[in-house]
PDB file of N, CA and C in Angstrom:
ATOM      1  N   MET A   1      28.096 -86.152 -14.547  1.00  0.00           N
ATOM      2  CA  MET A   1      29.541 -86.011 -14.682  1.00  0.00           C
ATOM      3  C   MET A   1      29.900 -84.549 -14.430  1.00  0.00           C
ATOM      4  N   SER A   2      30.907 -84.316 -13.636  1.00  0.00           N
ATOM      5  CA  SER A   2      31.300 -82.948 -13.314  1.00  0.00           C
ATOM      6  C   SER A   2      32.140 -82.359 -14.437  1.00  0.00           C
ATOM      7  N   ASN A   3      32.111 -81.032 -14.525  1.00  0.00           N
ATOM      8  CA  ASN A   3      32.904 -80.329 -15.528  1.00  0.00           C
ATOM      9  C   ASN A   3      34.304 -80.148 -14.985  1.00  0.00           C
ATOM     10  N   ASP A   4      35.278 -80.843 -15.562  1.00  0.00           N
ATOM     11  CA  ASP A   4      36.666 -80.751 -15.130  1.00  0.00           C
ATOM     12  C   ASP A   4      37.424 -79.676 -15.886  1.00  0.00           C
ATOM     13  N   ASN A   5      36.721 -78.884 -16.674  1.00  0.00           N
ATOM     14  CA  ASN A   5      37.342 -77.831 -17.453  1.00  0.00           C
ATOM     15  C   ASN A   5      37.775 -76.698 -16.530  1.00  0.00           C
ATOM     16  N   PRO A   6      39.079 -76.391 -16.461  1.00  0.00           N
ATOM     17  CA  PRO A   6      39.519 -75.304 -15.591  1.00  0.00           C
ATOM     18  C   PRO A   6      39.027 -73.945 -16.068  1.00  0.00           C
ATOM     19  N   ASN A   7      38.525 -73.876 -17.283  1.00  0.00           N
ATOM     20  CA  ASN A   7      38.028 -72.631 -17.845  1.00  0.00           C
ATOM     21  C   ASN A   7      36.508 -72.552 -17.808  1.00  0.00           C
ATOM     22  N   SER A   8      35.855 -73.348 -16.970  1.00  0.00           N
ATOM     23  CA  SER A   8      34.389 -73.407 -17.000  1.00  0.00           C
ATOM     24  C   SER A   8      33.750 -72.067 -16.649  1.00  0.00           C
ATOM     25  N   ASN A   9      34.360 -71.278 -15.767  1.00  0.00           N
ATOM     26  CA  ASN A   9      33.799 -69.955 -15.470  1.00  0.00           C
ATOM     27  C   ASN A   9      33.873 -69.044 -16.673  1.00  0.00           C
ATOM     28  N   THR A  10      34.980 -69.112 -17.408  1.00  0.00           N
ATOM     29  CA  THR A  10      35.117 -68.325 -18.626  1.00  0.00           C
ATOM     30  C   THR A  10      34.086 -68.771 -19.654  1.00  0.00           C
ATOM     31  N   SER A  11      33.886 -70.083 -19.792  1.00  0.00           N
ATOM     32  CA  SER A  11      32.903 -70.612 -20.733  1.00  0.00           C
ATOM     33  C   SER A  11      31.513 -70.081 -20.410  1.00  0.00           C
ATOM     34  N   ARG A  12      31.164 -70.078 -19.119  1.00  0.00           N
ATOM     35  CA  ARG A  12      29.840 -69.592 -18.717  1.00  0.00           C
ATOM     36  C   ARG A  12      29.683 -68.110 -19.002  1.00  0.00           C
ATOM     37  N   SER A  13      30.709 -67.312 -18.727  1.00  0.00           N
ATOM     38  CA  SER A  13      30.586 -65.876 -18.962  1.00  0.00           C
ATOM     39  C   SER A  13      30.552 -65.578 -20.464  1.00  0.00           C
ATOM     40  N   GLN A  14      31.295 -66.350 -21.260  1.00  0.00           N
ATOM     41  CA  GLN A  14      31.227 -66.181 -22.713  1.00  0.00           C
ATOM     42  C   GLN A  14      29.844 -66.557 -23.221  1.00  0.00           C
ATOM     43  N   CYS A  15      29.276 -67.638 -22.697  1.00  0.00           N
ATOM     44  CA  CYS A  15      27.923 -68.037 -23.094  1.00  0.00           C
ATOM     45  C   CYS A  15      26.929 -66.928 -22.783  1.00  0.00           C
ATOM     46  N   ALA A  16      27.048 -66.334 -21.619  1.00  0.00           N
ATOM     47  CA  ALA A  16      26.126 -65.268 -21.229  1.00  0.00           C
ATOM     48  C   ALA A  16      26.256 -64.075 -22.170  1.00  0.00           C
ATOM     49  N   ALA A  17      27.475 -63.686 -22.499  1.00  0.00           N
ATOM     50  CA  ALA A  17      27.689 -62.551 -23.392  1.00  0.00           C
ATOM     51  C   ALA A  17      27.178 -62.849 -24.801  1.00  0.00           C
ATOM     52  N   ILE A  18      27.445 -64.047 -25.288  1.00  0.00           N
ATOM     53  CA  ILE A  18      26.998 -64.430 -26.633  1.00  0.00           C
ATOM     54  C   ILE A  18      25.475 -64.518 -26.667  1.00  0.00           C
ATOM     55  N   ARG A  19      24.880 -65.044 -25.611  1.00  0.00           N
ATOM     56  CA  ARG A  19      23.415 -65.127 -25.533  1.00  0.00           C
ATOM     57  C   ARG A  19      22.790 -63.729 -25.606  1.00  0.00           C
ATOM     58  N   ARG A  20      23.330 -62.786 -24.828  1.00  0.00           N
ATOM     59  CA  ARG A  20      22.811 -61.409 -24.868  1.00  0.00           C
ATOM     60  C   ARG A  20      22.944 -60.826 -26.266  1.00  0.00           C
ATOM     61  N   HIS A  21      24.068 -61.093 -26.915  1.00  0.00           N
ATOM     62  CA  HIS A  21      24.315 -60.601 -28.276  1.00  0.00           C
ATOM     63  C   HIS A  21      23.268 -61.147 -29.242  1.00  0.00           C
ATOM     64  N   LEU A  22      23.024 -62.441 -29.177  1.00  0.00           N
ATOM     65  CA  LEU A  22      22.041 -63.075 -30.065  1.00  0.00           C
ATOM     66  C   LEU A  22      20.628 -62.591 -29.747  1.00  0.00           C
ATOM     67  N   GLU A  23      20.297 -62.482 -28.464  1.00  0.00           N
ATOM     68  CA  GLU A  23      18.958 -62.052 -28.079  1.00  0.00           C
ATOM     69  C   GLU A  23      18.694 -60.593 -28.434  1.00  0.00           C
ATOM     70  N   ALA A  24      19.760 -59.818 -28.634  1.00  0.00           N
ATOM     71  CA  ALA A  24      19.610 -58.434 -29.076  1.00  0.00           C
ATOM     72  C   ALA A  24      19.340 -58.357 -30.576  1.00  0.00           C
ATOM     73  N   GLY A  25      19.291 -59.534 -31.231  1.00  0.00           N
ATOM     74  CA  GLY A  25      18.969 -59.580 -32.655  1.00  0.00           C
ATOM     75  C   GLY A  25      20.164 -59.605 -33.579  1.00  0.00           C
ATOM     76  N   HIS A  26      21.355 -59.779 -33.020  1.00  0.00           N
ATOM     77  CA  HIS A  26      22.569 -59.798 -33.833  1.00  0.00           C
ATOM     78  C   HIS A  26      22.954 -61.225 -34.211  1.00  0.00           C
ATOM     79  N   SER A  27      23.700 -61.339 -35.287  1.00  0.00           N
ATOM     80  CA  SER A  27      24.308 -62.621 -35.646  1.00  0.00           C
ATOM     81  C   SER A  27      25.769 -62.555 -35.211  1.00  0.00           C
ATOM     82  N   ILE A  28      26.455 -63.707 -35.289  1.00  0.00           N
ATOM     83  CA  ILE A  28      27.859 -63.723 -34.880  1.00  0.00           C
ATOM     84  C   ILE A  28      28.627 -64.808 -35.628  1.00  0.00           C
ATOM     85  N   THR A  29      29.862 -64.493 -35.983  1.00  0.00           N
ATOM     86  CA  THR A  29      30.789 -65.453 -36.573  1.00  0.00           C
ATOM     87  C   THR A  29      31.932 -65.680 -35.578  1.00  0.00           C
ATOM     88  N   ALA A  30      32.759 -66.665 -35.844  1.00  0.00           N
ATOM     89  CA  ALA A  30      33.883 -66.966 -34.952  1.00  0.00           C
ATOM     90  C   ALA A  30      34.832 -65.778 -34.838  1.00  0.00           C
ATOM     91  N   ALA A  31      35.106 -65.101 -35.938  1.00  0.00           N
ATOM     92  CA  ALA A  31      36.010 -63.944 -35.896  1.00  0.00           C
ATOM     93  C   ALA A  31      35.417 -62.831 -35.035  1.00  0.00           C
ATOM     94  N   GLN A  32      34.109 -62.619 -35.147  1.00  0.00           N
ATOM     95  CA  GLN A  32      33.454 -61.592 -34.336  1.00  0.00           C
ATOM     96  C   GLN A  32      33.462 -61.981 -32.863  1.00  0.00           C
ATOM     97  N   ALA A  33      33.254 -63.263 -32.560  1.00  0.00           N
ATOM     98  CA  ALA A  33      33.254 -63.736 -31.177  1.00  0.00           C
ATOM     99  C   ALA A  33      34.636 -63.575 -30.546  1.00  0.00           C
ATOM    100  N   LEU A  34      35.667 -63.843 -31.308  1.00  0.00           N
ATOM    101  CA  LEU A  34      37.023 -63.670 -30.799  1.00  0.00           C
ATOM    102  C   LEU A  34      37.286 -62.195 -30.505  1.00  0.00           C
ATOM    103  N   ASP A  35      36.906 -61.341 -31.420  1.00  0.00           N
ATOM    104  CA  ASP A  35      37.140 -59.912 -31.262  1.00  0.00           C
ATOM    105  C   ASP A  35      36.317 -59.317 -30.119  1.00  0.00           C
ATOM    106  N   ALA A  36      35.041 -59.656 -30.059  1.00  0.00           N
ATOM    107  CA  ALA A  36      34.144 -59.032 -29.088  1.00  0.00           C
ATOM    108  C   ALA A  36      34.218 -59.645 -27.697  1.00  0.00           C
ATOM    109  N   PHE A  37      34.407 -60.973 -27.615  1.00  0.00           N
ATOM    110  CA  PHE A  37      34.292 -61.665 -26.338  1.00  0.00           C
ATOM    111  C   PHE A  37      35.521 -62.485 -25.955  1.00  0.00           C
ATOM    112  N   GLY A  38      36.558 -62.478 -26.793  1.00  0.00           N
ATOM    113  CA  GLY A  38      37.742 -63.283 -26.514  1.00  0.00           C
ATOM    114  C   GLY A  38      37.458 -64.769 -26.569  1.00  0.00           C
ATOM    115  N   CYS A  39      36.473 -65.144 -27.373  1.00  0.00           N
ATOM    116  CA  CYS A  39      36.025 -66.538 -27.459  1.00  0.00           C
ATOM    117  C   CYS A  39      36.673 -67.218 -28.661  1.00  0.00           C
ATOM    118  N   PHE A  40      37.556 -68.171 -28.389  1.00  0.00           N
ATOM    119  CA  PHE A  40      38.230 -68.911 -29.450  1.00  0.00           C
ATOM    120  C   PHE A  40      37.385 -70.073 -29.965  1.00  0.00           C
ATOM    121  N   ARG A  41      36.375 -70.522 -29.190  1.00  0.00           N
ATOM    122  CA  ARG A  41      35.609 -71.720 -29.554  1.00  0.00           C
ATOM    123  C   ARG A  41      34.121 -71.402 -29.624  1.00  0.00           C
ATOM    124  N   LEU A  42      33.743 -70.561 -30.580  1.00  0.00           N
ATOM    125  CA  LEU A  42      32.348 -70.160 -30.703  1.00  0.00           C
ATOM    126  C   LEU A  42      31.429 -71.360 -30.889  1.00  0.00           C
ATOM    127  N   ALA A  43      31.810 -72.315 -31.714  1.00  0.00           N
ATOM    128  CA  ALA A  43      30.940 -73.476 -31.952  1.00  0.00           C
ATOM    129  C   ALA A  43      30.648 -74.224 -30.653  1.00  0.00           C
ATOM    130  N   ALA A  44      31.626 -74.319 -29.765  1.00  0.00           N
ATOM    131  CA  ALA A  44      31.408 -74.984 -28.476  1.00  0.00           C
ATOM    132  C   ALA A  44      30.438 -74.182 -27.616  1.00  0.00           C
ATOM    133  N   ARG A  45      30.578 -72.850 -27.607  1.00  0.00           N
ATOM    134  CA  ARG A  45      29.661 -72.014 -26.815  1.00  0.00           C
ATOM    135  C   ARG A  45      28.251 -72.063 -27.403  1.00  0.00           C
ATOM    136  N   ILE A  46      28.139 -72.101 -28.732  1.00  0.00           N
ATOM    137  CA  ILE A  46      26.826 -72.219 -29.374  1.00  0.00           C
ATOM    138  C   ILE A  46      26.200 -73.553 -29.001  1.00  0.00           C
ATOM    139  N   ASN A  47      26.994 -74.603 -28.969  1.00  0.00           N
ATOM    140  CA  ASN A  47      26.496 -75.923 -28.567  1.00  0.00           C
ATOM    141  C   ASN A  47      25.987 -75.880 -27.128  1.00  0.00           C
ATOM    142  N   ASP A  48      26.726 -75.216 -26.247  1.00  0.00           N
ATOM    143  CA  ASP A  48      26.276 -75.065 -24.858  1.00  0.00           C
ATOM    144  C   ASP A  48      24.924 -74.352 -24.809  1.00  0.00           C
ATOM    145  N   LEU A  49      24.789 -73.277 -25.576  1.00  0.00           N
ATOM    146  CA  LEU A  49      23.542 -72.506 -25.583  1.00  0.00           C
ATOM    147  C   LEU A  49      22.388 -73.322 -26.168  1.00  0.00           C
ATOM    148  N   ALA A  50      22.660 -74.058 -27.231  1.00  0.00           N
ATOM    149  CA  ALA A  50      21.619 -74.896 -27.838  1.00  0.00           C
ATOM    150  C   ALA A  50      21.184 -75.991 -26.867  1.00  0.00           C
ATOM    151  N   ASN A  51      22.133 -76.585 -26.152  1.00  0.00           N
ATOM    152  CA  ASN A  51      21.801 -77.617 -25.170  1.00  0.00           C
ATOM    153  C   ASN A  51      20.991 -77.053 -24.010  1.00  0.00           C
ATOM    154  N   ALA A  52      21.137 -75.739 -23.777  1.00  0.00           N
ATOM    155  CA  ALA A  52      20.370 -75.069 -22.724  1.00  0.00           C
ATOM    156  C   ALA A  52      19.003 -74.621 -23.240  1.00  0.00           C
ATOM    157  N   GLY A  53      18.705 -74.905 -24.515  1.00  0.00           N
ATOM    158  CA  GLY A  53      17.391 -74.612 -25.064  1.00  0.00           C
ATOM    159  C   GLY A  53      17.286 -73.369 -25.928  1.00  0.00           C
ATOM    160  N   LEU A  54      18.385 -72.683 -26.174  1.00  0.00           N
ATOM    161  CA  LEU A  54      18.327 -71.500 -27.030  1.00  0.00           C
ATOM    162  C   LEU A  54      18.196 -71.945 -28.486  1.00  0.00           C
ATOM    163  N   PRO A  55      17.218 -71.412 -29.221  1.00  0.00           N
ATOM    164  CA  PRO A  55      16.977 -71.851 -30.604  1.00  0.00           C
ATOM    165  C   PRO A  55      17.935 -71.177 -31.596  1.00  0.00           C
ATOM    166  N   VAL A  56      19.149 -71.689 -31.676  1.00  0.00           N
ATOM    167  CA  VAL A  56      20.190 -71.102 -32.526  1.00  0.00           C
ATOM    168  C   VAL A  56      20.205 -71.817 -33.867  1.00  0.00           C
ATOM    169  N   GLU A  57      20.358 -71.030 -34.927  1.00  0.00           N
ATOM    170  CA  GLU A  57      20.518 -71.635 -36.250  1.00  0.00           C
ATOM    171  C   GLU A  57      21.839 -71.190 -36.856  1.00  0.00           C
ATOM    172  N   ARG A  58      22.366 -72.025 -37.723  1.00  0.00           N
ATOM    173  CA  ARG A  58      23.655 -71.767 -38.373  1.00  0.00           C
ATOM    174  C   ARG A  58      23.440 -71.669 -39.863  1.00  0.00           C
ATOM    175  N   THR A  59      24.056 -70.667 -40.466  1.00  0.00           N
ATOM    176  CA  THR A  59      24.089 -70.560 -41.916  1.00  0.00           C
ATOM    177  C   THR A  59      25.545 -70.336 -42.319  1.00  0.00           C
ATOM    178  N   LEU A  60      25.860 -70.695 -43.539  1.00  0.00           N
ATOM    179  CA  LEU A  60      27.196 -70.431 -44.054  1.00  0.00           C
ATOM    180  C   LEU A  60      27.143 -69.160 -44.875  1.00  0.00           C
ATOM    181  N   VAL A  61      28.061 -68.243 -44.598  1.00  0.00           N
ATOM    182  CA  VAL A  61      28.123 -66.971 -45.312  1.00  0.00           C
ATOM    183  C   VAL A  61      29.497 -66.822 -45.934  1.00  0.00           C
ATOM    184  N   ALA A  62      29.552 -66.107 -47.048  1.00  0.00           N
ATOM    185  CA  ALA A  62      30.817 -65.868 -47.732  1.00  0.00           C
ATOM    186  C   ALA A  62      31.468 -64.608 -47.163  1.00  0.00           C
ATOM    187  N   VAL A  63      32.752 -64.714 -46.872  1.00  0.00           N
ATOM    188  CA  VAL A  63      33.547 -63.569 -46.415  1.00  0.00           C
ATOM    189  C   VAL A  63      34.875 -63.593 -47.164  1.00  0.00           C
ATOM    190  N   ILE A  64      35.549 -62.472 -47.134  1.00  0.00           N
ATOM    191  CA  ILE A  64      36.876 -62.394 -47.748  1.00  0.00           C
ATOM    192  C   ILE A  64      37.904 -62.553 -46.636  1.00  0.00           C
ATOM    193  N   ASN A  65      38.808 -63.520 -46.787  1.00  0.00           N
ATOM    194  CA  ASN A  65      39.820 -63.735 -45.748  1.00  0.00           C
ATOM    195  C   ASN A  65      40.976 -62.759 -45.923  1.00  0.00           C
ATOM    196  N   ARG A  66      41.963 -62.850 -45.050  1.00  0.00           N
ATOM    197  CA  ARG A  66      43.074 -61.896 -45.075  1.00  0.00           C
ATOM    198  C   ARG A  66      43.931 -62.009 -46.328  1.00  0.00           C
ATOM    199  N   ASP A  67      43.818 -63.122 -47.053  1.00  0.00           N
ATOM    200  CA  ASP A  67      44.552 -63.291 -48.309  1.00  0.00           C
ATOM    201  C   ASP A  67      43.732 -62.828 -49.507  1.00  0.00           C
ATOM    202  N   GLY A  68      42.556 -62.255 -49.245  1.00  0.00           N
ATOM    203  CA  GLY A  68      41.710 -61.750 -50.315  1.00  0.00           C
ATOM    204  C   GLY A  68      40.874 -62.820 -50.999  1.00  0.00           C
ATOM    205  N   LYS A  69      40.811 -64.011 -50.416  1.00  0.00           N
ATOM    206  CA  LYS A  69      40.038 -65.099 -51.017  1.00  0.00           C
ATOM    207  C   LYS A  69      38.662 -65.183 -50.369  1.00  0.00           C
ATOM    208  N   LYS A  70      37.689 -65.555 -51.188  1.00  0.00           N
ATOM    209  CA  LYS A  70      36.332 -65.745 -50.670  1.00  0.00           C
ATOM    210  C   LYS A  70      36.251 -67.119 -50.014  1.00  0.00           C
ATOM    211  N   VAL A  71      35.825 -67.126 -48.743  1.00  0.00           N
ATOM    212  CA  VAL A  71      35.658 -68.370 -47.995  1.00  0.00           C
ATOM    213  C   VAL A  71      34.298 -68.340 -47.320  1.00  0.00           C
ATOM    214  N   ARG A  72      33.820 -69.511 -46.916  1.00  0.00           N
ATOM    215  CA  ARG A  72      32.534 -69.578 -46.216  1.00  0.00           C
ATOM    216  C   ARG A  72      32.785 -69.891 -44.747  1.00  0.00           C
ATOM    217  N   VAL A  73      32.065 -69.179 -43.893  1.00  0.00           N
ATOM    218  CA  VAL A  73      32.181 -69.390 -42.452  1.00  0.00           C
ATOM    219  C   VAL A  73      30.784 -69.531 -41.869  1.00  0.00           C
ATOM    220  N   ALA A  74      30.713 -70.134 -40.697  1.00  0.00           N
ATOM    221  CA  ALA A  74      29.434 -70.284 -40.006  1.00  0.00           C
ATOM    222  C   ALA A  74      29.047 -68.958 -39.354  1.00  0.00           C
ATOM    223  N   GLU A  75      27.780 -68.615 -39.518  1.00  0.00           N
ATOM    224  CA  GLU A  75      27.213 -67.448 -38.850  1.00  0.00           C
ATOM    225  C   GLU A  75      26.012 -67.947 -38.053  1.00  0.00           C
ATOM    226  N   TYR A  76      25.949 -67.562 -36.796  1.00  0.00           N
ATOM    227  CA  TYR A  76      24.890 -68.027 -35.907  1.00  0.00           C
ATOM    228  C   TYR A  76      23.944 -66.884 -35.575  1.00  0.00           C
ATOM    229  N   ARG A  77      22.668 -67.224 -35.443  1.00  0.00           N
ATOM    230  CA  ARG A  77      21.636 -66.275 -35.024  1.00  0.00           C
ATOM    231  C   ARG A  77      20.502 -67.064 -34.392  1.00  0.00           C
ATOM    232  N   LEU A  78      19.620 -66.344 -33.728  1.00  0.00           N
ATOM    233  CA  LEU A  78      18.434 -67.010 -33.185  1.00  0.00           C
ATOM    234  C   LEU A  78      17.460 -67.291 -34.315  1.00  0.00           C
ATOM    235  N   ARG A  79      16.804 -68.424 -34.219  1.00  0.00           N
ATOM    236  CA  ARG A  79      15.803 -68.798 -35.202  1.00  0.00           C
ATOM    237  C   ARG A  79      14.665 -67.793 -35.194  1.00  0.00           C
ATOM    238  N   GLN A  80      14.242 -67.338 -36.344  1.00  0.00           N
ATOM    239  CA  GLN A  80      13.136 -66.384 -36.465  1.00  0.00           C
ATOM    240  C   GLN A  80      11.862 -66.989 -35.929  1.00  0.00           C
ATOM    241  N   GLY A  81      11.141 -66.219 -35.144  1.00  0.00           N
ATOM    242  CA  GLY A  81       9.844 -66.656 -34.635  1.00  0.00           C
ATOM    243  C   GLY A  81       9.921 -67.606 -33.470  1.00  0.00           C
ATOM    244  N   ALA A  82      11.119 -67.995 -33.059  1.00  0.00           N
ATOM    245  CA  ALA A  82      11.254 -68.917 -31.937  1.00  0.00           C
ATOM    246  C   ALA A  82      11.319 -68.111 -30.648  1.00  0.00           C
ATOM    247  N   ALA A  83      10.628 -68.576 -29.644  1.00  0.00           N
ATOM    248  CA  ALA A  83      10.676 -67.918 -28.339  1.00  0.00           C
ATOM    249  C   ALA A  83      11.952 -68.320 -27.626  1.00  0.00           C
ATOM    250  N   ALA A  84      12.724 -67.345 -27.207  1.00  0.00           N
ATOM    251  CA  ALA A  84      13.992 -67.631 -26.523  1.00  0.00           C
ATOM    252  C   ALA A  84      13.792 -67.744 -25.027  1.00  0.00           C
TER     253      ALA A  84
END
C-alpha cells in the first residue's frame, strides 16, 4: 500500500532526526520533540522507527505541566545493550 500522506517527506526527515538523537544516547518526550524537531506526533515517529527495527523503549516519567501539576508523560530511549 502506498503512503498517501502528503507530509511523508517531513515524517521521514523527522524520523531521521529523532533516530540520530536517540542513537546519540539521549531520551526524548513529545514536548522535546516539538521544540527540537517540530514534531507534533512523536509516538507515530517512534512507531515508524520501531517498525524499521530500532529497539526503542518507553517509560513514563513525571513532569510538572504549565499549571504546576505533576503529570506523567512518555519518554523514549534506545533499549540498553541493544544493537541499533
